[in-house]
Amino acid sequence: MESGAQRLNLKREVGLIGAVSFIAGTMIGSGIFISPQYVLSTIGSPGASLLVWACSGLIAMLGGLCYAELGTVISESGGEYIYMLRTAGRVVAFMFVFSFVAVMRPASATGIALSCAEYVVAPFFDGGTPPQVLVKCIAAVLILVLANVNCLSVRLATGIQVVSMVIKVLALLVIVLGGVAMVFQGNTDNFDVSFEGTNVGVSSIGIAFYQGLWSYDGWNTLNYLTEELKDPEVSLVPR
């Protein structure tokens, strides 16, 4: 009891496997399947494209390590909102969470849902462009279904996250192994002129990094449910 009111405590139902699946499942989204072509076309060469991906991964890793430490120091759910609330005050925290809820998160969820919906309807329109109304309706249904799942049960949401992560990892493995097989078959022409045609303009580099970082987006999501982790010190910062 605090000031005559009972404090709401969230159920700690997310273990280490669920936590890893939550981050991996969030990071391995539509971005990694869509962004590579835009990174390559924007930066202009395979070598520079790989460099952009490596640097983007390094930035995401450093950000993830910082958030892991923050999550153990301030062991409350809410992510950036709670960190701003505890350090910068209510006004800054409110401004952030308002823009996050009203603009940033809906825009991100909409983009991911539309990408997923396009893949869902593509097999039914072989060689043609599916109606945008249909794509948008399916995207809206996906958002509503997943929102309800997260509201109804943490365990169910975690289970779906684990299954989706496994499916996406398997899909990536098929792509990676296919690329490795092509290299062993002698398709190495792109490596002979790795950096030929690289666009060194500020806008090209910026857009390429934007696409790369968008694919890595999600490394901070576990901090939104810190209070639901069974053992935050283990799940956030494995020793």
Foldseek 3Di string as FASTA:
>chain_A
DPPPDDDDFDAQDAEQLLLVLQLLLVLLAVLVVPLLVVLCVLQPFQQVLVVLLVVLVVVLVVVLLVLLVVCVVPLDADFPLVVCCVPVNDVVSVVVVCCCVVPVVVVLLLVRLLSVLQVVCDVVAPPDHDDPVSSNVSSVVVVVVLVVQVVPDPVSNSVVSNVSSVVSVVVVVVVVVVVVVVVVVPPCVSVVPRCPGGDPDPVSSVVSSVSSNSSRPRSRVSRNPSSNHPDSNCNSPND
